[in-house]
Amino acid sequence: MIIVNVKENESIDKALKRFKKKFDKTGAVRELRARQAFTKPSVKRRDEIIRAAYRQRLQNEIMK
């Protein structure tokens, strides 16, 4: 459960912004989207390898 303490004379907009930031950090929306469709472990692993290779390629280009 996310708890946001609203201070005295604090606008609702600021409190709502803090709530949204805390909510994003929990990753609830990302998890819900991931659970909507099942991906096989082999496909997940393949995607991880592709992402890692891409990041490595970018890092190598920066180093040059």
PDB file of N, CA and C in Angstrom:
ATOM      1  N   MET A   1       0.844  -1.167   0.000  1.00  0.00           N
ATOM      2  CA  MET A   1       0.000   0.000   0.000  1.00  0.00           C
ATOM      3  C   MET A   1       0.894   1.237   0.000  1.00  0.00           C
ATOM      4  N   ILE A   2       0.528   2.195  -0.812  1.00  0.00           N
ATOM      5  CA  ILE A   2       1.307   3.429  -0.914  1.00  0.00           C
ATOM      6  C   ILE A   2       0.690   4.476   0.008  1.00  0.00           C
ATOM      7  N   ILE A   3       1.532   5.052   0.847  1.00  0.00           N
ATOM      8  CA  ILE A   3       1.073   6.078   1.776  1.00  0.00           C
ATOM      9  C   ILE A   3       1.769   7.380   1.435  1.00  0.00           C
ATOM     10  N   VAL A   4       0.959   8.427   1.248  1.00  0.00           N
ATOM     11  CA  VAL A   4       1.491   9.757   0.964  1.00  0.00           C
ATOM     12  C   VAL A   4       0.947  10.695   2.022  1.00  0.00           C
ATOM     13  N   ASN A   5       1.833  11.225   2.840  1.00  0.00           N
ATOM     14  CA  ASN A   5       1.409  12.171   3.866  1.00  0.00           C
ATOM     15  C   ASN A   5       1.272  13.550   3.252  1.00  0.00           C
ATOM     16  N   VAL A   6       0.088  14.137   3.386  1.00  0.00           N
ATOM     17  CA  VAL A   6      -0.154  15.468   2.850  1.00  0.00           C
ATOM     18  C   VAL A   6       0.141  16.472   3.955  1.00  0.00           C
ATOM     19  N   LYS A   7       1.060  17.373   3.653  1.00  0.00           N
ATOM     20  CA  LYS A   7       1.470  18.366   4.635  1.00  0.00           C
ATOM     21  C   LYS A   7       0.454  19.502   4.690  1.00  0.00           C
ATOM     22  N   GLU A   8       0.543  20.284   5.747  1.00  0.00           N
ATOM     23  CA  GLU A   8      -0.356  21.420   5.888  1.00  0.00           C
ATOM     24  C   GLU A   8      -0.089  22.426   4.777  1.00  0.00           C
ATOM     25  N   ASN A   9      -1.141  23.010   4.243  1.00  0.00           N
ATOM     26  CA  ASN A   9      -1.072  24.012   3.174  1.00  0.00           C
ATOM     27  C   ASN A   9      -0.387  23.483   1.909  1.00  0.00           C
ATOM     28  N   GLU A  10      -0.386  22.173   1.718  1.00  0.00           N
ATOM     29  CA  GLU A  10       0.195  21.611   0.499  1.00  0.00           C
ATOM     30  C   GLU A  10      -0.927  21.387  -0.513  1.00  0.00           C
ATOM     31  N   SER A  11      -0.676  21.742  -1.751  1.00  0.00           N
ATOM     32  CA  SER A  11      -1.723  21.588  -2.768  1.00  0.00           C
ATOM     33  C   SER A  11      -1.911  20.105  -3.097  1.00  0.00           C
ATOM     34  N   ILE A  12      -3.100  19.806  -3.561  1.00  0.00           N
ATOM     35  CA  ILE A  12      -3.429  18.434  -3.945  1.00  0.00           C
ATOM     36  C   ILE A  12      -2.558  18.006  -5.124  1.00  0.00           C
ATOM     37  N   ASP A  13      -2.248  18.957  -6.008  1.00  0.00           N
ATOM     38  CA  ASP A  13      -1.426  18.629  -7.176  1.00  0.00           C
ATOM     39  C   ASP A  13      -0.054  18.095  -6.773  1.00  0.00           C
ATOM     40  N   LYS A  14       0.567  18.726  -5.793  1.00  0.00           N
ATOM     41  CA  LYS A  14       1.884  18.268  -5.347  1.00  0.00           C
ATOM     42  C   LYS A  14       1.793  16.883  -4.712  1.00  0.00           C
ATOM     43  N   ALA A  15       0.772  16.686  -3.890  1.00  0.00           N
ATOM     44  CA  ALA A  15       0.597  15.384  -3.240  1.00  0.00           C
ATOM     45  C   ALA A  15       0.326  14.299  -4.282  1.00  0.00           C
ATOM     46  N   LEU A  16      -0.475  14.632  -5.290  1.00  0.00           N
ATOM     47  CA  LEU A  16      -0.784  13.672  -6.352  1.00  0.00           C
ATOM     48  C   LEU A  16       0.469  13.347  -7.152  1.00  0.00           C
ATOM     49  N   LYS A  17       1.303  14.345  -7.388  1.00  0.00           N
ATOM     50  CA  LYS A  17       2.553  14.130  -8.112  1.00  0.00           C
ATOM     51  C   LYS A  17       3.472  13.191  -7.342  1.00  0.00           C
ATOM     52  N   ARG A  18       3.555  13.376  -6.005  1.00  0.00           N
ATOM     53  CA  ARG A  18       4.370  12.483  -5.177  1.00  0.00           C
ATOM     54  C   ARG A  18       3.811  11.061  -5.198  1.00  0.00           C
ATOM     55  N   PHE A  19       2.478  10.945  -5.175  1.00  0.00           N
ATOM     56  CA  PHE A  19       1.845   9.629  -5.229  1.00  0.00           C
ATOM     57  C   PHE A  19       2.181   8.930  -6.545  1.00  0.00           C
ATOM     58  N   LYS A  20       2.064   9.655  -7.640  1.00  0.00           N
ATOM     59  CA  LYS A  20       2.346   9.072  -8.950  1.00  0.00           C
ATOM     60  C   LYS A  20       3.794   8.612  -9.049  1.00  0.00           C
ATOM     61  N   LYS A  21       4.709   9.397  -8.492  1.00  0.00           N
ATOM     62  CA  LYS A  21       6.123   9.036  -8.525  1.00  0.00           C
ATOM     63  C   LYS A  21       6.359   7.746  -7.738  1.00  0.00           C
ATOM     64  N   LYS A  22       5.747   7.649  -6.547  1.00  0.00           N
ATOM     65  CA  LYS A  22       5.889   6.433  -5.737  1.00  0.00           C
ATOM     66  C   LYS A  22       5.269   5.235  -6.458  1.00  0.00           C
ATOM     67  N   PHE A  23       4.128   5.454  -7.090  1.00  0.00           N
ATOM     68  CA  PHE A  23       3.436   4.384  -7.800  1.00  0.00           C
ATOM     69  C   PHE A  23       4.279   3.878  -8.961  1.00  0.00           C
ATOM     70  N   ASP A  24       4.902   4.780  -9.696  1.00  0.00           N
ATOM     71  CA  ASP A  24       5.759   4.373 -10.807  1.00  0.00           C
ATOM     72  C   ASP A  24       6.947   3.552 -10.322  1.00  0.00           C
ATOM     73  N   LYS A  25       7.500   3.923  -9.165  1.00  0.00           N
ATOM     74  CA  LYS A  25       8.654   3.205  -8.640  1.00  0.00           C
ATOM     75  C   LYS A  25       8.312   1.766  -8.258  1.00  0.00           C
ATOM     76  N   THR A  26       7.057   1.511  -7.891  1.00  0.00           N
ATOM     77  CA  THR A  26       6.684   0.145  -7.513  1.00  0.00           C
ATOM     78  C   THR A  26       6.664  -0.786  -8.713  1.00  0.00           C
ATOM     79  N   GLY A  27       6.420  -0.254  -9.912  1.00  0.00           N
ATOM     80  CA  GLY A  27       6.414  -1.073 -11.123  1.00  0.00           C
ATOM     81  C   GLY A  27       5.149  -1.878 -11.293  1.00  0.00           C
ATOM     82  N   ALA A  28       4.056  -1.456 -10.687  1.00  0.00           N
ATOM     83  CA  ALA A  28       2.803  -2.210 -10.750  1.00  0.00           C
ATOM     84  C   ALA A  28       2.254  -2.272 -12.171  1.00  0.00           C
ATOM     85  N   VAL A  29       2.301  -1.170 -12.885  1.00  0.00           N
ATOM     86  CA  VAL A  29       1.755  -1.137 -14.242  1.00  0.00           C
ATOM     87  C   VAL A  29       2.593  -2.023 -15.166  1.00  0.00           C
ATOM     88  N   ARG A  30       3.915  -1.949 -15.021  1.00  0.00           N
ATOM     89  CA  ARG A  30       4.789  -2.791 -15.841  1.00  0.00           C
ATOM     90  C   ARG A  30       4.502  -4.267 -15.602  1.00  0.00           C
ATOM     91  N   GLU A  31       4.306  -4.622 -14.342  1.00  0.00           N
ATOM     92  CA  GLU A  31       4.039  -6.013 -14.004  1.00  0.00           C
ATOM     93  C   GLU A  31       2.701  -6.475 -14.574  1.00  0.00           C
ATOM     94  N   LEU A  32       1.685  -5.613 -14.499  1.00  0.00           N
ATOM     95  CA  LEU A  32       0.378  -5.964 -15.058  1.00  0.00           C
ATOM     96  C   LEU A  32       0.474  -6.209 -16.559  1.00  0.00           C
ATOM     97  N   ARG A  33       1.192  -5.345 -17.246  1.00  0.00           N
ATOM     98  CA  ARG A  33       1.331  -5.514 -18.698  1.00  0.00           C
ATOM     99  C   ARG A  33       2.097  -6.786 -19.026  1.00  0.00           C
ATOM    100  N   ALA A  34       3.088  -7.102 -18.230  1.00  0.00           N
ATOM    101  CA  ALA A  34       3.872  -8.313 -18.479  1.00  0.00           C
ATOM    102  C   ALA A  34       3.039  -9.562 -18.239  1.00  0.00           C
ATOM    103  N   ARG A  35       2.110  -9.500 -17.306  1.00  0.00           N
ATOM    104  CA  ARG A  35       1.289 -10.669 -16.989  1.00  0.00           C
ATOM    105  C   ARG A  35       0.141 -10.878 -17.960  1.00  0.00           C
ATOM    106  N   GLN A  36      -0.138  -9.901 -18.814  1.00  0.00           N
ATOM    107  CA  GLN A  36      -1.258 -10.036 -19.741  1.00  0.00           C
ATOM    108  C   GLN A  36      -1.004 -11.125 -20.772  1.00  0.00           C
ATOM    109  N   ALA A  37       0.248 -11.286 -21.178  1.00  0.00           N
ATOM    110  CA  ALA A  37       0.574 -12.298 -22.173  1.00  0.00           C
ATOM    111  C   ALA A  37       1.769 -13.095 -21.674  1.00  0.00           C
ATOM    112  N   PHE A  38       1.669 -14.399 -21.791  1.00  0.00           N
ATOM    113  CA  PHE A  38       2.759 -15.274 -21.344  1.00  0.00           C
ATOM    114  C   PHE A  38       3.842 -15.323 -22.404  1.00  0.00           C
ATOM    115  N   THR A  39       5.078 -15.158 -21.989  1.00  0.00           N
ATOM    116  CA  THR A  39       6.200 -15.345 -22.906  1.00  0.00           C
ATOM    117  C   THR A  39       7.041 -16.503 -22.389  1.00  0.00           C
ATOM    118  N   LYS A  40       7.419 -17.363 -23.302  1.00  0.00           N
ATOM    119  CA  LYS A  40       8.190 -18.539 -22.926  1.00  0.00           C
ATOM    120  C   LYS A  40       9.549 -18.115 -22.385  1.00  0.00           C
ATOM    121  N   PRO A  41      10.085 -18.881 -21.439  1.00  0.00           N
ATOM    122  CA  PRO A  41      11.398 -18.542 -20.878  1.00  0.00           C
ATOM    123  C   PRO A  41      12.491 -18.453 -21.945  1.00  0.00           C
ATOM    124  N   SER A  42      12.412 -19.290 -22.972  1.00  0.00           N
ATOM    125  CA  SER A  42      13.428 -19.248 -24.027  1.00  0.00           C
ATOM    126  C   SER A  42      13.356 -17.931 -24.799  1.00  0.00           C
ATOM    127  N   VAL A  43      12.151 -17.420 -24.999  1.00  0.00           N
ATOM    128  CA  VAL A  43      11.982 -16.151 -25.708  1.00  0.00           C
ATOM    129  C   VAL A  43      12.473 -14.997 -24.835  1.00  0.00           C
ATOM    130  N   LYS A  44      12.174 -15.069 -23.528  1.00  0.00           N
ATOM    131  CA  LYS A  44      12.664 -14.039 -22.604  1.00  0.00           C
ATOM    132  C   LYS A  44      14.180 -13.982 -22.630  1.00  0.00           C
ATOM    133  N   ARG A  45      14.811 -15.148 -22.565  1.00  0.00           N
ATOM    134  CA  ARG A  45      16.272 -15.227 -22.555  1.00  0.00           C
ATOM    135  C   ARG A  45      16.849 -14.662 -23.847  1.00  0.00           C
ATOM    136  N   ARG A  46      16.224 -15.002 -24.985  1.00  0.00           N
ATOM    137  CA  ARG A  46      16.690 -14.509 -26.281  1.00  0.00           C
ATOM    138  C   ARG A  46      16.619 -12.985 -26.324  1.00  0.00           C
ATOM    139  N   ASP A  47      15.517 -12.427 -25.809  1.00  0.00           N
ATOM    140  CA  ASP A  47      15.366 -10.966 -25.776  1.00  0.00           C
ATOM    141  C   ASP A  47      16.424 -10.321 -24.890  1.00  0.00           C
ATOM    142  N   GLU A  48      16.720 -10.955 -23.752  1.00  0.00           N
ATOM    143  CA  GLU A  48      17.761 -10.432 -22.860  1.00  0.00           C
ATOM    144  C   GLU A  48      19.117 -10.411 -23.563  1.00  0.00           C
ATOM    145  N   ILE A  49      19.418 -11.469 -24.296  1.00  0.00           N
ATOM    146  CA  ILE A  49      20.697 -11.551 -25.004  1.00  0.00           C
ATOM    147  C   ILE A  49      20.774 -10.471 -26.077  1.00  0.00           C
ATOM    148  N   ILE A  50      19.681 -10.261 -26.796  1.00  0.00           N
ATOM    149  CA  ILE A  50      19.658  -9.237 -27.850  1.00  0.00           C
ATOM    150  C   ILE A  50      19.855  -7.855 -27.239  1.00  0.00           C
ATOM    151  N   ARG A  51      19.161  -7.578 -26.117  1.00  0.00           N
ATOM    152  CA  ARG A  51      19.313  -6.274 -25.453  1.00  0.00           C
ATOM    153  C   ARG A  51      20.734  -6.074 -24.947  1.00  0.00           C
ATOM    154  N   ALA A  52      21.318  -7.136 -24.367  1.00  0.00           N
ATOM    155  CA  ALA A  52      22.676  -7.036 -23.846  1.00  0.00           C
ATOM    156  C   ALA A  52      23.672  -6.779 -24.979  1.00  0.00           C
ATOM    157  N   ALA A  53      23.484  -7.430 -26.114  1.00  0.00           N
ATOM    158  CA  ALA A  53      24.373  -7.223 -27.255  1.00  0.00           C
ATOM    159  C   ALA A  53      24.261  -5.792 -27.763  1.00  0.00           C
ATOM    160  N   TYR A  54      23.050  -5.275 -27.788  1.00  0.00           N
ATOM    161  CA  TYR A  54      22.826  -3.885 -28.237  1.00  0.00           C
ATOM    162  C   TYR A  54      23.532  -2.902 -27.309  1.00  0.00           C
ATOM    163  N   ARG A  55      23.369  -3.097 -26.000  1.00  0.00           N
ATOM    164  CA  ARG A  55      24.035  -2.219 -25.037  1.00  0.00           C
ATOM    165  C   ARG A  55      25.549  -2.319 -25.161  1.00  0.00           C
ATOM    166  N   GLN A  56      26.060  -3.514 -25.358  1.00  0.00           N
ATOM    167  CA  GLN A  56      27.499  -3.712 -25.504  1.00  0.00           C
ATOM    168  C   GLN A  56      28.014  -2.996 -26.754  1.00  0.00           C
ATOM    169  N   ARG A  57      27.250  -3.086 -27.840  1.00  0.00           N
ATOM    170  CA  ARG A  57      27.631  -2.412 -29.081  1.00  0.00           C
ATOM    171  C   ARG A  57      27.681  -0.903 -28.869  1.00  0.00           C
ATOM    172  N   LEU A  58      26.700  -0.352 -28.175  1.00  0.00           N
ATOM    173  CA  LEU A  58      26.689   1.085 -27.899  1.00  0.00           C
ATOM    174  C   LEU A  58      27.884   1.475 -27.049  1.00  0.00           C
ATOM    175  N   GLN A  59      28.188   0.668 -26.049  1.00  0.00           N
ATOM    176  CA  GLN A  59      29.322   0.965 -25.175  1.00  0.00           C
ATOM    177  C   GLN A  59      30.633   0.925 -25.960  1.00  0.00           C
ATOM    178  N   ASN A  60      30.772  -0.020 -26.853  1.00  0.00           N
ATOM    179  CA  ASN A  60      31.981  -0.125 -27.650  1.00  0.00           C
ATOM    180  C   ASN A  60      32.140   1.069 -28.573  1.00  0.00           C
ATOM    181  N   GLU A  61      31.028   1.575 -29.104  1.00  0.00           N
ATOM    182  CA  GLU A  61      31.099   2.748 -29.983  1.00  0.00           C
ATOM    183  C   GLU A  61      31.513   3.986 -29.195  1.00  0.00           C
ATOM    184  N   ILE A  62      31.045   4.102 -27.972  1.00  0.00           N
ATOM    185  CA  ILE A  62      31.404   5.244 -27.141  1.00  0.00           C
ATOM    186  C   ILE A  62      32.887   5.203 -26.792  1.00  0.00           C
ATOM    187  N   MET A  63      33.425   4.012 -26.539  1.00  0.00           N
ATOM    188  CA  MET A  63      34.817   3.854 -26.148  1.00  0.00           C
ATOM    189  C   MET A  63      35.777   4.215 -27.283  1.00  0.00           C
ATOM    190  N   LYS A  64      35.324   4.074 -28.515  1.00  0.00           N
ATOM    191  CA  LYS A  64      36.211   4.336 -29.667  1.00  0.00           C
ATOM    192  C   LYS A  64      36.437   5.803 -29.874  1.00  0.00           C
TER     193      LYS A  64
END
